Amino acid sequence: MDRELWSRITDTITMSREHDRVTSREAFRSVWDDTPPTEHVLRCVIAHYAADCEDAPEHERAWDESALREFELAPEEGWAEVGIADPTGMLPSLHLNLADVAHRCGDVDVARTHLVLATEHLQRLPDDAYGATVRTGVEGVRERIGSAG
């Protein structure tokens, strides 16, 4: 893995928490463009965080779909290089994000499918603040989808 590129990615993630969404979107697009298509782990991380900087749900959805696609293509051994010991712990969050954005885009059937997948992977989450946040998110989306009929 290219350590300089990984440093740019982590800097972009940090910057996205401190700057406006437009600046953050531009930074994520730049680092995405500079990341080789074969670097699936890096591209998954980029897409996962870039989605949060989008204002339009359809753009957010495109990033979330890219994150899941890159996750599925990523070699298992590549995750340790970025400090993720068990990448399967990302699956509930990836599917939660897709359930939420699909619902906001009016695609309730796709939202339900991803909600089921997020729920199936909840046991992979640690019993910590991150796990609690994702579990709470799953419940919130479940309620919104349920009220949508």
C-alpha atoms as a PDB file:
ATOM      1  CA  MET A   1       0.000   0.000   0.000  1.00  0.00           C
ATOM      2  CA  ASP A   2       1.114   3.510  -0.793  1.00  0.00           C
ATOM      3  CA  ARG A   3       1.720   5.149   2.621  1.00  0.00           C
ATOM      4  CA  GLU A   4       1.700   8.669   1.164  1.00  0.00           C
ATOM      5  CA  LEU A   5      -1.707   8.042  -0.403  1.00  0.00           C
ATOM      6  CA  TRP A   6      -3.038   6.565   2.858  1.00  0.00           C
ATOM      7  CA  SER A   7      -1.821   9.664   4.676  1.00  0.00           C
ATOM      8  CA  ARG A   8      -3.706  11.872   2.191  1.00  0.00           C
ATOM      9  CA  ILE A   9      -6.837   9.801   2.762  1.00  0.00           C
ATOM     10  CA  THR A  10      -6.657  10.087   6.543  1.00  0.00           C
ATOM     11  CA  ASP A  11      -5.894  13.806   6.243  1.00  0.00           C
ATOM     12  CA  THR A  12      -8.959  14.191   4.027  1.00  0.00           C
ATOM     13  CA  ILE A  13     -11.136  12.348   6.550  1.00  0.00           C
ATOM     14  CA  THR A  14      -9.868  14.611   9.329  1.00  0.00           C
ATOM     15  CA  MET A  15     -10.315  17.691   7.177  1.00  0.00           C
ATOM     16  CA  SER A  16     -13.912  16.678   6.367  1.00  0.00           C
ATOM     17  CA  ARG A  17     -14.764  16.966  10.046  1.00  0.00           C
ATOM     18  CA  GLU A  18     -13.369  20.490  10.211  1.00  0.00           C
ATOM     19  CA  HIS A  19     -14.353  22.092   6.888  1.00  0.00           C
ATOM     20  CA  ASP A  20     -17.467  22.723   4.869  1.00  0.00           C
ATOM     21  CA  ARG A  21     -19.068  20.008   2.771  1.00  0.00           C
ATOM     22  CA  VAL A  22     -18.096  21.553  -0.593  1.00  0.00           C
ATOM     23  CA  THR A  23     -14.393  21.640   0.299  1.00  0.00           C
ATOM     24  CA  SER A  24     -14.631  18.120   1.689  1.00  0.00           C
ATOM     25  CA  ARG A  25     -16.375  16.780  -1.421  1.00  0.00           C
ATOM     26  CA  GLU A  26     -13.659  18.244  -3.629  1.00  0.00           C
ATOM     27  CA  ALA A  27     -10.933  16.750  -1.456  1.00  0.00           C
ATOM     28  CA  PHE A  28     -12.529  13.286  -1.484  1.00  0.00           C
ATOM     29  CA  ARG A  29     -12.997  13.386  -5.256  1.00  0.00           C
ATOM     30  CA  SER A  30      -9.354  14.359  -5.693  1.00  0.00           C
ATOM     31  CA  VAL A  31      -8.026  11.550  -3.509  1.00  0.00           C
ATOM     32  CA  TRP A  32     -10.467   9.103  -5.160  1.00  0.00           C
ATOM     33  CA  ASP A  33      -9.163  10.102  -8.608  1.00  0.00           C
ATOM     34  CA  ASP A  34      -5.588   9.578  -7.412  1.00  0.00           C
ATOM     35  CA  THR A  35      -6.259   6.129  -5.917  1.00  0.00           C
ATOM     36  CA  PRO A  36      -5.601   3.238  -8.300  1.00  0.00           C
ATOM     37  CA  PRO A  37      -8.701   1.166  -9.129  1.00  0.00           C
ATOM     38  CA  THR A  38      -6.957  -1.917  -7.715  1.00  0.00           C
ATOM     39  CA  GLU A  39      -6.656  -0.367  -4.230  1.00  0.00           C
ATOM     40  CA  HIS A  40     -10.040  -1.630  -3.076  1.00  0.00           C
ATOM     41  CA  VAL A  41      -9.429  -1.174   0.649  1.00  0.00           C
ATOM     42  CA  LEU A  42      -8.430   2.447   0.200  1.00  0.00           C
ATOM     43  CA  ARG A  43     -11.295   3.124  -2.178  1.00  0.00           C
ATOM     44  CA  CYS A  44     -13.782   1.566   0.251  1.00  0.00           C
ATOM     45  CA  VAL A  45     -12.599   3.877   3.022  1.00  0.00           C
ATOM     46  CA  ILE A  46     -12.695   6.931   0.763  1.00  0.00           C
ATOM     47  CA  ALA A  47     -16.205   6.194  -0.513  1.00  0.00           C
ATOM     48  CA  HIS A  48     -17.510   5.403   2.978  1.00  0.00           C
ATOM     49  CA  TYR A  49     -16.456   8.820   4.282  1.00  0.00           C
ATOM     50  CA  ALA A  50     -17.123  10.770   1.071  1.00  0.00           C
ATOM     51  CA  ALA A  51     -20.792   9.794   1.178  1.00  0.00           C
ATOM     52  CA  ASP A  52     -21.209  11.795   4.374  1.00  0.00           C
ATOM     53  CA  CYS A  53     -20.160  14.989   2.584  1.00  0.00           C
ATOM     54  CA  GLU A  54     -22.831  14.854  -0.091  1.00  0.00           C
ATOM     55  CA  ASP A  55     -25.931  17.015   0.013  1.00  0.00           C
ATOM     56  CA  ALA A  56     -27.931  15.181  -2.644  1.00  0.00           C
ATOM     57  CA  PRO A  57     -29.118  11.699  -1.615  1.00  0.00           C
ATOM     58  CA  GLU A  58     -28.442  10.273  -5.076  1.00  0.00           C
ATOM     59  CA  HIS A  59     -24.782  11.354  -4.854  1.00  0.00           C
ATOM     60  CA  GLU A  60     -24.523   9.974  -1.331  1.00  0.00           C
ATOM     61  CA  ARG A  61     -26.024   6.717  -2.582  1.00  0.00           C
ATOM     62  CA  ALA A  62     -23.470   6.461  -5.379  1.00  0.00           C
ATOM     63  CA  TRP A  63     -20.626   6.767  -2.850  1.00  0.00           C
ATOM     64  CA  ASP A  64     -22.287   4.245  -0.497  1.00  0.00           C
ATOM     65  CA  GLU A  65     -22.709   1.783  -3.365  1.00  0.00           C
ATOM     66  CA  SER A  66     -19.054   2.289  -4.281  1.00  0.00           C
ATOM     67  CA  ALA A  67     -18.004   1.659  -0.680  1.00  0.00           C
ATOM     68  CA  LEU A  68     -19.827  -1.675  -0.580  1.00  0.00           C
ATOM     69  CA  ARG A  69     -18.585  -2.694  -4.032  1.00  0.00           C
ATOM     70  CA  GLU A  70     -14.973  -1.893  -3.064  1.00  0.00           C
ATOM     71  CA  PHE A  71     -15.401  -3.730   0.252  1.00  0.00           C
ATOM     72  CA  GLU A  72     -16.518  -6.839  -1.630  1.00  0.00           C
ATOM     73  CA  LEU A  73     -13.473  -6.623  -3.938  1.00  0.00           C
ATOM     74  CA  ALA A  74     -10.936  -5.944  -1.192  1.00  0.00           C
ATOM     75  CA  PRO A  75      -8.526  -8.717  -0.255  1.00  0.00           C
ATOM     76  CA  GLU A  76      -8.809  -9.758   3.376  1.00  0.00           C
ATOM     77  CA  GLU A  77      -5.123  -9.178   4.064  1.00  0.00           C
ATOM     78  CA  GLY A  78      -5.265  -5.574   2.848  1.00  0.00           C
ATOM     79  CA  TRP A  79      -7.287  -4.330   5.811  1.00  0.00           C
ATOM     80  CA  ALA A  80      -4.588  -4.850   8.418  1.00  0.00           C
ATOM     81  CA  GLU A  81      -2.400  -2.333   6.573  1.00  0.00           C
ATOM     82  CA  VAL A  82      -4.927   0.403   7.385  1.00  0.00           C
ATOM     83  CA  GLY A  83      -5.448  -0.681  10.976  1.00  0.00           C
ATOM     84  CA  ILE A  84      -8.662  -2.664  10.560  1.00  0.00           C
ATOM     85  CA  ALA A  85      -8.239  -6.097  12.117  1.00  0.00           C
ATOM     86  CA  ASP A  86     -11.734  -7.390  11.308  1.00  0.00           C
ATOM     87  CA  PRO A  87     -13.218  -5.702   8.240  1.00  0.00           C
ATOM     88  CA  THR A  88     -16.483  -7.631   8.568  1.00  0.00           C
ATOM     89  CA  GLY A  89     -17.316  -5.207  11.376  1.00  0.00           C
ATOM     90  CA  MET A  90     -17.848  -2.616   8.643  1.00  0.00           C
ATOM     91  CA  LEU A  91     -20.693  -4.546   7.004  1.00  0.00           C
ATOM     92  CA  PRO A  92     -23.478  -3.381   9.338  1.00  0.00           C
ATOM     93  CA  SER A  93     -22.504   0.249   8.765  1.00  0.00           C
ATOM     94  CA  LEU A  94     -22.149  -0.138   5.000  1.00  0.00           C
ATOM     95  CA  HIS A  95     -25.589  -1.746   4.721  1.00  0.00           C
ATOM     96  CA  LEU A  96     -27.125   0.711   7.196  1.00  0.00           C
ATOM     97  CA  ASN A  97     -25.918   3.626   5.081  1.00  0.00           C
ATOM     98  CA  LEU A  98     -27.403   2.053   1.953  1.00  0.00           C
ATOM     99  CA  ALA A  99     -30.706   1.299   3.698  1.00  0.00           C
ATOM    100  CA  ASP A 100     -30.965   4.875   4.920  1.00  0.00           C
ATOM    101  CA  VAL A 101     -30.109   6.563   1.635  1.00  0.00           C
ATOM    102  CA  ALA A 102     -32.231   4.177  -0.453  1.00  0.00           C
ATOM    103  CA  HIS A 103     -35.178   5.013   1.792  1.00  0.00           C
ATOM    104  CA  ARG A 104     -34.529   8.750   1.385  1.00  0.00           C
ATOM    105  CA  CYS A 105     -34.383   8.209  -2.387  1.00  0.00           C
ATOM    106  CA  GLY A 106     -37.810   6.544  -2.239  1.00  0.00           C
ATOM    107  CA  ASP A 107     -36.540   3.036  -2.965  1.00  0.00           C
ATOM    108  CA  VAL A 108     -38.146   1.267  -0.009  1.00  0.00           C
ATOM    109  CA  ASP A 109     -37.591  -2.284  -1.307  1.00  0.00           C
ATOM    110  CA  VAL A 110     -33.838  -1.734  -1.640  1.00  0.00           C
ATOM    111  CA  ALA A 111     -33.846  -0.040   1.751  1.00  0.00           C
ATOM    112  CA  ARG A 112     -35.510  -3.086   3.317  1.00  0.00           C
ATOM    113  CA  THR A 113     -32.996  -5.431   1.682  1.00  0.00           C
ATOM    114  CA  HIS A 114     -30.034  -3.498   3.082  1.00  0.00           C
ATOM    115  CA  LEU A 115     -31.708  -3.177   6.473  1.00  0.00           C
ATOM    116  CA  VAL A 116     -32.013  -6.975   6.642  1.00  0.00           C
ATOM    117  CA  LEU A 117     -28.336  -7.313   5.712  1.00  0.00           C
ATOM    118  CA  ALA A 118     -27.288  -4.702   8.274  1.00  0.00           C
ATOM    119  CA  THR A 119     -29.283  -6.541  10.934  1.00  0.00           C
ATOM    120  CA  GLU A 120     -27.769  -9.903   9.977  1.00  0.00           C
ATOM    121  CA  HIS A 121     -24.280  -8.486  10.535  1.00  0.00           C
ATOM    122  CA  LEU A 122     -24.922  -6.660  13.828  1.00  0.00           C
ATOM    123  CA  GLN A 123     -23.280  -9.461  15.826  1.00  0.00           C
ATOM    124  CA  ARG A 124     -19.981  -8.525  14.136  1.00  0.00           C
ATOM    125  CA  LEU A 125     -19.990  -5.144  15.893  1.00  0.00           C
ATOM    126  CA  PRO A 126     -17.954  -4.535  19.004  1.00  0.00           C
ATOM    127  CA  ASP A 127     -19.768  -3.743  22.235  1.00  0.00           C
ATOM    128  CA  ASP A 128     -18.577  -0.145  22.303  1.00  0.00           C
ATOM    129  CA  ALA A 129     -19.720   3.357  21.315  1.00  0.00           C
ATOM    130  CA  TYR A 130     -19.287   2.643  17.597  1.00  0.00           C
ATOM    131  CA  GLY A 131     -21.363  -0.529  17.859  1.00  0.00           C
ATOM    132  CA  ALA A 132     -24.043   1.307  19.824  1.00  0.00           C
ATOM    133  CA  THR A 133     -24.170   4.066  17.204  1.00  0.00           C
ATOM    134  CA  VAL A 134     -24.677   1.599  14.356  1.00  0.00           C
ATOM    135  CA  ARG A 135     -27.276  -0.403  16.321  1.00  0.00           C
ATOM    136  CA  THR A 136     -29.179   2.809  17.084  1.00  0.00           C
ATOM    137  CA  GLY A 137     -28.978   3.773  13.414  1.00  0.00           C
ATOM    138  CA  VAL A 138     -30.405   0.405  12.363  1.00  0.00           C
ATOM    139  CA  GLU A 139     -33.330   0.874  14.742  1.00  0.00           C
ATOM    140  CA  GLY A 140     -33.956   4.399  13.449  1.00  0.00           C
ATOM    141  CA  VAL A 141     -34.017   3.280   9.813  1.00  0.00           C
ATOM    142  CA  ARG A 142     -36.219   0.307  10.751  1.00  0.00           C
ATOM    143  CA  GLU A 143     -38.730   2.716  12.302  1.00  0.00           C
ATOM    144  CA  ARG A 144     -38.674   5.066   9.294  1.00  0.00           C
ATOM    145  CA  ILE A 145     -39.101   2.206   6.820  1.00  0.00           C
ATOM    146  CA  GLY A 146     -41.864   0.689   8.955  1.00  0.00           C
ATOM    147  CA  SER A 147     -43.780   3.946   8.999  1.00  0.00           C
ATOM    148  CA  ALA A 148     -43.395   4.225   5.221  1.00  0.00           C
ATOM    149  CA  GLY A 149     -45.432   1.042   4.858  1.00  0.00           C
END
